[in-house]
Amino acid sequence: MNFIIQATLPTMNEIIDASKSHWSVYRKMKEDYTNLVAWSCKHIGPMSRVNILITWYMKDKRQDKDNIMAGTKFILDGLVASHVLKNDGWKEIGDIHHSFRVDKKKPRVHVQLIEI
């Protein structure tokens, strides 16, 4: 099953900055992006255990890949919030693979779930 998040997710630097500014800023960020992911995958039915392939389409190459991958937190939380997964622990999540591409006009995140 596939779904697309029609936006980029916060980077690790953005997450750290939000959490340092005030606790409520990070809480709001987490809530907003978790809800965005949950809405993006609402068409997917429940799955018990998955491998996840994430392709990050960024507008440029300015951010380090490890910084970009921090958005995985919001993807996993969104999958749980939408009831696609019961939890985001070791029992439900197998492997997670990342790919990176540049799309200046349409940055987004493509997520593929492979049930195992």
C-alpha atoms as a PDB file:
ATOM      1  CA  MET A   1       0.000   0.000   0.000  1.00  0.00           C
ATOM      2  CA  ASN A   2       1.193   3.485  -0.848  1.00  0.00           C
ATOM      3  CA  PHE A   3       0.384   6.985   0.232  1.00  0.00           C
ATOM      4  CA  ILE A   4       1.805  10.427  -0.419  1.00  0.00           C
ATOM      5  CA  ILE A   5       2.226  13.235   2.061  1.00  0.00           C
ATOM      6  CA  GLN A   6       1.827  16.385  -0.036  1.00  0.00           C
ATOM      7  CA  ALA A   7       4.361  18.346   2.019  1.00  0.00           C
ATOM      8  CA  THR A   8       7.788  17.989   3.523  1.00  0.00           C
ATOM      9  CA  LEU A   9       8.073  17.059   7.182  1.00  0.00           C
ATOM     10  CA  PRO A  10      10.130  18.949   9.766  1.00  0.00           C
ATOM     11  CA  THR A  11      13.838  18.232   9.843  1.00  0.00           C
ATOM     12  CA  MET A  12      15.724  17.320  12.999  1.00  0.00           C
ATOM     13  CA  ASN A  13      17.010  20.902  13.263  1.00  0.00           C
ATOM     14  CA  GLU A  14      13.459  22.263  13.055  1.00  0.00           C
ATOM     15  CA  ILE A  15      12.258  19.782  15.667  1.00  0.00           C
ATOM     16  CA  ILE A  16      15.093  20.723  18.033  1.00  0.00           C
ATOM     17  CA  ASP A  17      14.462  24.450  17.526  1.00  0.00           C
ATOM     18  CA  ALA A  18      10.746  23.986  18.254  1.00  0.00           C
ATOM     19  CA  SER A  19      11.397  21.970  21.395  1.00  0.00           C
ATOM     20  CA  LYS A  20      13.894  24.525  22.693  1.00  0.00           C
ATOM     21  CA  SER A  21      11.629  27.516  22.120  1.00  0.00           C
ATOM     22  CA  HIS A  22       8.708  26.329  24.284  1.00  0.00           C
ATOM     23  CA  TRP A  23       7.223  22.922  25.063  1.00  0.00           C
ATOM     24  CA  SER A  24       3.925  23.858  23.416  1.00  0.00           C
ATOM     25  CA  VAL A  25       5.594  24.696  20.095  1.00  0.00           C
ATOM     26  CA  TYR A  26       6.890  21.147  19.658  1.00  0.00           C
ATOM     27  CA  ARG A  27       3.584  19.689  20.903  1.00  0.00           C
ATOM     28  CA  LYS A  28       1.696  21.687  18.239  1.00  0.00           C
ATOM     29  CA  MET A  29       4.214  20.669  15.555  1.00  0.00           C
ATOM     30  CA  LYS A  30       3.876  16.990  16.466  1.00  0.00           C
ATOM     31  CA  GLU A  31       0.088  17.195  16.528  1.00  0.00           C
ATOM     32  CA  ASP A  32      -0.128  18.996  13.171  1.00  0.00           C
ATOM     33  CA  TYR A  33       2.249  16.703  11.296  1.00  0.00           C
ATOM     34  CA  THR A  34       0.900  13.517  12.875  1.00  0.00           C
ATOM     35  CA  ASN A  35      -2.588  14.583  11.752  1.00  0.00           C
ATOM     36  CA  LEU A  36      -1.298  15.386   8.243  1.00  0.00           C
ATOM     37  CA  VAL A  37       0.158  11.891   7.924  1.00  0.00           C
ATOM     38  CA  ALA A  38      -2.966  10.278   9.400  1.00  0.00           C
ATOM     39  CA  TRP A  39      -5.118  12.118   6.855  1.00  0.00           C
ATOM     40  CA  SER A  40      -2.764  11.131   4.019  1.00  0.00           C
ATOM     41  CA  CYS A  41      -3.057   7.407   4.812  1.00  0.00           C
ATOM     42  CA  LYS A  42      -6.738   7.304   5.773  1.00  0.00           C
ATOM     43  CA  HIS A  43      -7.550   5.081   2.766  1.00  0.00           C
ATOM     44  CA  ILE A  44      -5.343   2.254   4.056  1.00  0.00           C
ATOM     45  CA  GLY A  45      -6.894  -0.482   6.158  1.00  0.00           C
ATOM     46  CA  PRO A  46      -5.329  -2.012   9.268  1.00  0.00           C
ATOM     47  CA  MET A  47      -2.048  -3.868   8.880  1.00  0.00           C
ATOM     48  CA  SER A  48      -0.320  -5.981  11.509  1.00  0.00           C
ATOM     49  CA  ARG A  49       3.405  -5.769  10.607  1.00  0.00           C
ATOM     50  CA  VAL A  50       5.106  -3.795   7.832  1.00  0.00           C
ATOM     51  CA  ASN A  51       8.360  -2.904   6.192  1.00  0.00           C
ATOM     52  CA  ILE A  52       8.390   0.762   5.229  1.00  0.00           C
ATOM     53  CA  LEU A  53       9.998   2.362   2.179  1.00  0.00           C
ATOM     54  CA  ILE A  54      10.111   6.156   2.358  1.00  0.00           C
ATOM     55  CA  THR A  55      11.105   8.346  -0.583  1.00  0.00           C
ATOM     56  CA  TRP A  56      11.783  11.936   0.422  1.00  0.00           C
ATOM     57  CA  TYR A  57      11.294  14.389  -2.472  1.00  0.00           C
ATOM     58  CA  MET A  58      12.984  17.608  -1.416  1.00  0.00           C
ATOM     59  CA  LYS A  59      13.098  20.950  -3.238  1.00  0.00           C
ATOM     60  CA  ASP A  60      16.915  20.988  -3.104  1.00  0.00           C
ATOM     61  CA  LYS A  61      19.924  19.282  -1.519  1.00  0.00           C
ATOM     62  CA  ARG A  62      20.541  21.824   1.239  1.00  0.00           C
ATOM     63  CA  GLN A  63      19.599  19.535   4.125  1.00  0.00           C
ATOM     64  CA  ASP A  64      21.544  16.475   5.193  1.00  0.00           C
ATOM     65  CA  LYS A  65      19.774  13.168   4.704  1.00  0.00           C
ATOM     66  CA  ASP A  66      19.961  12.255   8.396  1.00  0.00           C
ATOM     67  CA  ASN A  67      18.312  15.576   9.216  1.00  0.00           C
ATOM     68  CA  ILE A  68      15.482  14.887   6.739  1.00  0.00           C
ATOM     69  CA  MET A  69      14.839  11.365   8.077  1.00  0.00           C
ATOM     70  CA  ALA A  70      13.779  12.735  11.468  1.00  0.00           C
ATOM     71  CA  GLY A  71      10.327  13.155   9.927  1.00  0.00           C
ATOM     72  CA  THR A  72       9.962   9.376  10.177  1.00  0.00           C
ATOM     73  CA  LYS A  73       8.684   9.977  13.727  1.00  0.00           C
ATOM     74  CA  PHE A  74       5.625  11.788  12.371  1.00  0.00           C
ATOM     75  CA  ILE A  75       5.020   9.070   9.768  1.00  0.00           C
ATOM     76  CA  LEU A  76       4.984   6.290  12.353  1.00  0.00           C
ATOM     77  CA  ASP A  77       2.835   8.280  14.773  1.00  0.00           C
ATOM     78  CA  GLY A  78       0.420   9.116  11.942  1.00  0.00           C
ATOM     79  CA  LEU A  79       0.101   5.453  10.995  1.00  0.00           C
ATOM     80  CA  VAL A  80      -0.853   4.662  14.581  1.00  0.00           C
ATOM     81  CA  ALA A  81      -3.234   7.653  14.852  1.00  0.00           C
ATOM     82  CA  SER A  82      -5.061   6.530  11.696  1.00  0.00           C
ATOM     83  CA  HIS A  83      -5.275   2.944  13.010  1.00  0.00           C
ATOM     84  CA  VAL A  84      -3.262   1.536  10.118  1.00  0.00           C
ATOM     85  CA  LEU A  85      -0.917   0.132  12.765  1.00  0.00           C
ATOM     86  CA  LYS A  86      -1.760  -0.797  16.352  1.00  0.00           C
ATOM     87  CA  ASN A  87       1.563   0.562  17.603  1.00  0.00           C
ATOM     88  CA  ASP A  88       4.933   1.628  16.197  1.00  0.00           C
ATOM     89  CA  GLY A  89       7.106  -0.793  18.135  1.00  0.00           C
ATOM     90  CA  TRP A  90       9.287  -3.701  17.027  1.00  0.00           C
ATOM     91  CA  LYS A  91       6.276  -6.027  16.714  1.00  0.00           C
ATOM     92  CA  GLU A  92       4.622  -3.804  14.085  1.00  0.00           C
ATOM     93  CA  ILE A  93       7.594  -2.240  12.272  1.00  0.00           C
ATOM     94  CA  GLY A  94      10.076  -4.377  10.366  1.00  0.00           C
ATOM     95  CA  ASP A  95      12.696  -2.565   8.316  1.00  0.00           C
ATOM     96  CA  ILE A  96      12.613   1.080   7.296  1.00  0.00           C
ATOM     97  CA  HIS A  97      14.375   2.091   4.060  1.00  0.00           C
ATOM     98  CA  HIS A  98      14.967   5.649   2.866  1.00  0.00           C
ATOM     99  CA  SER A  99      15.524   7.085  -0.619  1.00  0.00           C
ATOM    100  CA  PHE A 100      16.087  10.722  -1.492  1.00  0.00           C
ATOM    101  CA  ARG A 101      15.177  12.664  -4.620  1.00  0.00           C
ATOM    102  CA  VAL A 102      14.936  16.300  -5.664  1.00  0.00           C
ATOM    103  CA  ASP A 103      11.716  17.747  -7.054  1.00  0.00           C
ATOM    104  CA  LYS A 104      11.886  21.539  -7.019  1.00  0.00           C
ATOM    105  CA  LYS A 105       8.248  21.980  -7.971  1.00  0.00           C
ATOM    106  CA  LYS A 106       6.543  19.311  -5.857  1.00  0.00           C
ATOM    107  CA  PRO A 107       8.354  18.369  -2.632  1.00  0.00           C
ATOM    108  CA  ARG A 108       6.570  15.512  -0.887  1.00  0.00           C
ATOM    109  CA  VAL A 109       7.028  12.218   0.916  1.00  0.00           C
ATOM    110  CA  HIS A 110       6.064   8.915  -0.707  1.00  0.00           C
ATOM    111  CA  VAL A 111       5.506   6.046   1.734  1.00  0.00           C
ATOM    112  CA  GLN A 112       5.176   2.415   0.743  1.00  0.00           C
ATOM    113  CA  LEU A 113       3.988  -0.142   3.298  1.00  0.00           C
ATOM    114  CA  ILE A 114       4.776  -3.776   2.632  1.00  0.00           C
ATOM    115  CA  GLU A 115       2.937  -6.168   4.916  1.00  0.00           C
ATOM    116  CA  ILE A 116       5.138  -8.952   6.273  1.00  0.00           C
END
